[in-house]
């Protein structure tokens, strides 16, 4: 399993997208006059964002594509040997 640098780049982008919403929540938490509802909103948004990007998009865009690509190359290797 080599030459998966595109999957690695996609993986890094997915992790950076989810970190942005958590940074907003942490930055707002440092404010002196903070509203608990806004803080809960940022953390809920961060969790939902994390759940969507890292669980659904990561699986379909990176893992499923890598497995599909690897099986395609394996099939090509079998047909070339015959």
N, C-alpha and C. Protein backbone atom coordinates (compact mmCIF):
# COMPACT_ATOMS: atom_id res chain seq x y z
N UNK A 1 0.83 -1.18 0.00
CA UNK A 1 0.00 0.00 0.00
C UNK A 1 0.88 1.24 0.00
N UNK A 2 1.33 1.60 -1.16
CA UNK A 2 2.15 2.81 -1.29
C UNK A 2 1.43 3.78 -2.21
N UNK A 3 2.00 4.96 -2.31
CA UNK A 3 1.48 5.99 -3.20
C UNK A 3 0.07 6.43 -2.82
N UNK A 4 -0.17 6.60 -1.54
CA UNK A 4 -1.47 7.09 -1.06
C UNK A 4 -1.34 8.50 -0.52
N UNK A 5 -0.52 9.32 -1.16
CA UNK A 5 -0.32 10.67 -0.67
C UNK A 5 -1.56 11.53 -0.85
N UNK A 6 -2.39 11.24 -1.86
CA UNK A 6 -3.64 11.99 -2.01
C UNK A 6 -4.60 11.72 -0.86
N UNK A 7 -4.64 10.48 -0.43
CA UNK A 7 -5.48 10.13 0.73
C UNK A 7 -4.94 10.83 1.97
N UNK A 8 -3.63 10.90 2.12
CA UNK A 8 -3.04 11.59 3.26
C UNK A 8 -3.35 13.08 3.28
N UNK A 9 -3.32 13.70 2.11
CA UNK A 9 -3.66 15.13 2.03
C UNK A 9 -5.13 15.34 2.40
N UNK A 10 -6.00 14.48 1.91
CA UNK A 10 -7.43 14.57 2.24
C UNK A 10 -7.64 14.38 3.74
N UNK A 11 -6.91 13.46 4.32
CA UNK A 11 -7.03 13.21 5.75
C UNK A 11 -6.60 14.43 6.56
N UNK A 12 -5.51 15.07 6.16
CA UNK A 12 -5.06 16.27 6.86
C UNK A 12 -6.07 17.41 6.73
N UNK A 13 -6.66 17.58 5.55
CA UNK A 13 -7.67 18.63 5.37
C UNK A 13 -8.90 18.37 6.21
N UNK A 14 -9.34 17.12 6.30
CA UNK A 14 -10.51 16.80 7.11
C UNK A 14 -10.27 17.10 8.57
N UNK A 15 -9.08 16.83 9.06
CA UNK A 15 -8.79 17.11 10.46
C UNK A 15 -8.69 18.61 10.72
N UNK A 16 -8.16 19.37 9.76
CA UNK A 16 -8.05 20.81 9.95
C UNK A 16 -9.41 21.50 9.92
N UNK A 17 -10.34 21.01 9.10
CA UNK A 17 -11.68 21.61 9.04
C UNK A 17 -12.39 21.48 10.38
N UNK A 18 -12.25 20.33 11.01
CA UNK A 18 -12.94 20.14 12.29
C UNK A 18 -12.29 20.93 13.41
N UNK A 19 -11.00 21.18 13.30
CA UNK A 19 -10.32 21.94 14.36
C UNK A 19 -10.74 23.40 14.39
N UNK A 20 -11.19 23.94 13.28
CA UNK A 20 -11.57 25.36 13.22
C UNK A 20 -12.74 25.65 14.15
N UNK A 21 -13.76 24.79 14.14
CA UNK A 21 -14.92 25.05 15.01
C UNK A 21 -14.56 24.89 16.48
N UNK A 22 -13.64 23.98 16.79
CA UNK A 22 -13.21 23.86 18.18
C UNK A 22 -12.39 25.07 18.61
N UNK A 23 -11.64 25.65 17.69
CA UNK A 23 -10.87 26.86 18.01
C UNK A 23 -11.81 28.02 18.32
N UNK A 24 -12.92 28.13 17.58
CA UNK A 24 -13.89 29.19 17.89
C UNK A 24 -14.45 29.02 19.30
N UNK A 25 -14.78 27.80 19.68
CA UNK A 25 -15.30 27.55 21.02
C UNK A 25 -14.28 27.85 22.10
N UNK A 26 -13.05 27.45 21.88
CA UNK A 26 -12.00 27.72 22.87
C UNK A 26 -11.68 29.21 22.96
N UNK A 27 -11.69 29.87 21.81
CA UNK A 27 -11.44 31.31 21.81
C UNK A 27 -12.54 32.08 22.52
N UNK A 28 -13.78 31.67 22.33
CA UNK A 28 -14.89 32.35 22.99
C UNK A 28 -14.88 32.08 24.49
N UNK A 29 -14.39 30.91 24.89
CA UNK A 29 -14.33 30.57 26.30
C UNK A 29 -13.40 31.50 27.07
N UNK A 30 -12.41 32.06 26.41
CA UNK A 30 -11.46 32.97 27.06
C UNK A 30 -12.03 34.37 27.27
N UNK A 31 -13.18 34.66 26.69
CA UNK A 31 -13.81 35.98 26.85
C UNK A 31 -14.28 36.15 28.29
N UNK A 32 -14.18 37.38 28.81
CA UNK A 32 -14.56 37.62 30.21
C UNK A 32 -16.06 37.55 30.41
N UNK A 33 -16.83 38.19 29.55
CA UNK A 33 -18.29 38.19 29.67
C UNK A 33 -18.88 37.20 28.67
N UNK A 34 -18.78 35.95 29.00
CA UNK A 34 -19.26 34.97 28.03
C UNK A 34 -20.68 34.52 28.35
N UNK A 35 -21.38 34.17 27.30
CA UNK A 35 -22.73 33.65 27.41
C UNK A 35 -22.65 32.13 27.29
N UNK A 36 -23.18 31.43 28.28
CA UNK A 36 -23.09 29.96 28.29
C UNK A 36 -23.79 29.34 27.09
N UNK A 37 -24.87 29.97 26.62
CA UNK A 37 -25.60 29.40 25.48
C UNK A 37 -24.77 29.47 24.19
N UNK A 38 -24.05 30.56 24.03
CA UNK A 38 -23.18 30.69 22.85
C UNK A 38 -22.04 29.69 22.94
N UNK A 39 -21.49 29.52 24.13
CA UNK A 39 -20.42 28.56 24.33
C UNK A 39 -20.89 27.14 24.03
N UNK A 40 -22.08 26.79 24.53
CA UNK A 40 -22.64 25.47 24.24
C UNK A 40 -22.93 25.30 22.74
N UNK A 41 -23.35 26.39 22.11
CA UNK A 41 -23.59 26.34 20.66
C UNK A 41 -22.30 26.03 19.91
N UNK A 42 -21.21 26.71 20.27
CA UNK A 42 -19.94 26.47 19.60
C UNK A 42 -19.45 25.03 19.80
N UNK A 43 -19.59 24.52 21.03
CA UNK A 43 -19.13 23.16 21.28
C UNK A 43 -20.04 22.13 20.62
N UNK A 44 -21.33 22.39 20.58
CA UNK A 44 -22.24 21.48 19.88
C UNK A 44 -21.97 21.49 18.38
N UNK A 45 -21.76 22.68 17.84
CA UNK A 45 -21.42 22.79 16.43
C UNK A 45 -20.09 22.09 16.14
N UNK A 46 -19.13 22.24 17.01
CA UNK A 46 -17.84 21.57 16.85
C UNK A 46 -17.98 20.06 16.89
N UNK A 47 -18.82 19.56 17.81
CA UNK A 47 -19.02 18.11 17.89
C UNK A 47 -19.72 17.57 16.65
N UNK A 48 -20.77 18.26 16.20
CA UNK A 48 -21.48 17.81 15.01
C UNK A 48 -20.59 17.89 13.77
N UNK A 49 -19.81 18.95 13.70
CA UNK A 49 -18.86 19.10 12.60
C UNK A 49 -17.83 17.97 12.64
N UNK A 50 -17.31 17.66 13.80
CA UNK A 50 -16.35 16.57 13.96
C UNK A 50 -16.97 15.24 13.59
N UNK A 51 -18.20 15.02 14.03
CA UNK A 51 -18.88 13.76 13.74
C UNK A 51 -19.10 13.59 12.24
N UNK A 52 -19.54 14.63 11.57
CA UNK A 52 -19.78 14.53 10.13
C UNK A 52 -18.48 14.33 9.36
N UNK A 53 -17.50 15.22 9.56
CA UNK A 53 -16.28 15.18 8.74
C UNK A 53 -15.41 13.98 9.05
N UNK A 54 -15.26 13.64 10.32
CA UNK A 54 -14.32 12.56 10.64
C UNK A 54 -14.96 11.18 10.57
N UNK A 55 -16.25 11.08 10.78
CA UNK A 55 -16.87 9.75 10.72
C UNK A 55 -17.44 9.43 9.34
N UNK A 56 -18.17 10.34 8.74
CA UNK A 56 -18.82 10.04 7.47
C UNK A 56 -17.92 10.36 6.27
N UNK A 57 -17.43 11.57 6.21
CA UNK A 57 -16.63 11.98 5.04
C UNK A 57 -15.29 11.23 5.03
N UNK A 58 -14.67 11.06 6.19
CA UNK A 58 -13.41 10.33 6.25
C UNK A 58 -13.59 8.91 5.75
N UNK A 59 -14.65 8.26 6.16
CA UNK A 59 -14.86 6.88 5.74
C UNK A 59 -15.09 6.79 4.24
N UNK A 60 -15.97 7.61 3.71
CA UNK A 60 -16.31 7.50 2.29
C UNK A 60 -15.23 8.08 1.38
N UNK A 61 -14.61 9.19 1.77
CA UNK A 61 -13.65 9.83 0.88
C UNK A 61 -12.27 9.20 0.95
N UNK A 62 -11.86 8.76 2.12
CA UNK A 62 -10.49 8.25 2.26
C UNK A 62 -10.44 6.73 2.34
N UNK A 63 -11.10 6.16 3.31
CA UNK A 63 -10.96 4.73 3.56
C UNK A 63 -11.60 3.92 2.45
N UNK A 64 -12.82 4.23 2.08
CA UNK A 64 -13.51 3.48 1.03
C UNK A 64 -12.78 3.63 -0.30
N UNK A 65 -12.32 4.84 -0.62
CA UNK A 65 -11.60 5.06 -1.87
C UNK A 65 -10.27 4.32 -1.88
N UNK A 66 -9.56 4.31 -0.76
CA UNK A 66 -8.29 3.59 -0.69
C UNK A 66 -8.50 2.09 -0.87
N UNK A 67 -9.51 1.54 -0.23
CA UNK A 67 -9.79 0.11 -0.38
C UNK A 67 -10.20 -0.20 -1.81
N UNK A 68 -11.04 0.62 -2.39
CA UNK A 68 -11.49 0.41 -3.76
C UNK A 68 -10.31 0.50 -4.73
N UNK A 69 -9.43 1.47 -4.53
CA UNK A 69 -8.25 1.63 -5.39
C UNK A 69 -7.31 0.43 -5.24
N UNK A 70 -7.10 -0.02 -4.00
CA UNK A 70 -6.22 -1.15 -3.75
C UNK A 70 -6.78 -2.42 -4.39
N UNK A 71 -8.08 -2.64 -4.30
CA UNK A 71 -8.68 -3.81 -4.93
C UNK A 71 -8.61 -3.72 -6.44
N UNK A 72 -8.72 -2.51 -6.99
CA UNK A 72 -8.61 -2.33 -8.44
C UNK A 72 -7.21 -2.69 -8.91
N UNK A 73 -6.18 -2.24 -8.19
CA UNK A 73 -4.81 -2.57 -8.57
C UNK A 73 -4.55 -4.07 -8.42
N UNK A 74 -5.12 -4.68 -7.39
CA UNK A 74 -4.94 -6.11 -7.18
C UNK A 74 -5.57 -6.89 -8.34
N UNK A 75 -6.73 -6.44 -8.79
CA UNK A 75 -7.40 -7.08 -9.93
C UNK A 75 -6.57 -6.91 -11.20
N UNK A 76 -5.98 -5.73 -11.38
CA UNK A 76 -5.14 -5.49 -12.55
C UNK A 76 -3.90 -6.39 -12.53
N UNK A 77 -3.32 -6.58 -11.34
CA UNK A 77 -2.16 -7.46 -11.22
C UNK A 77 -2.51 -8.89 -11.57
N UNK A 78 -3.69 -9.34 -11.18
CA UNK A 78 -4.10 -10.70 -11.49
C UNK A 78 -4.31 -10.90 -12.99
N UNK A 79 -4.89 -9.90 -13.66
CA UNK A 79 -5.13 -10.03 -15.09
C UNK A 79 -3.83 -9.94 -15.89
N UNK A 80 -2.84 -9.22 -15.38
CA UNK A 80 -1.57 -9.12 -16.09
C UNK A 80 -0.77 -10.42 -15.98
N UNK A 81 -0.94 -11.16 -14.89
CA UNK A 81 -0.19 -12.41 -14.70
C UNK A 81 -0.73 -13.53 -15.58
N UNK A 82 -1.96 -13.43 -16.01
CA UNK A 82 -2.55 -14.49 -16.83
C UNK A 82 -2.14 -14.45 -18.24
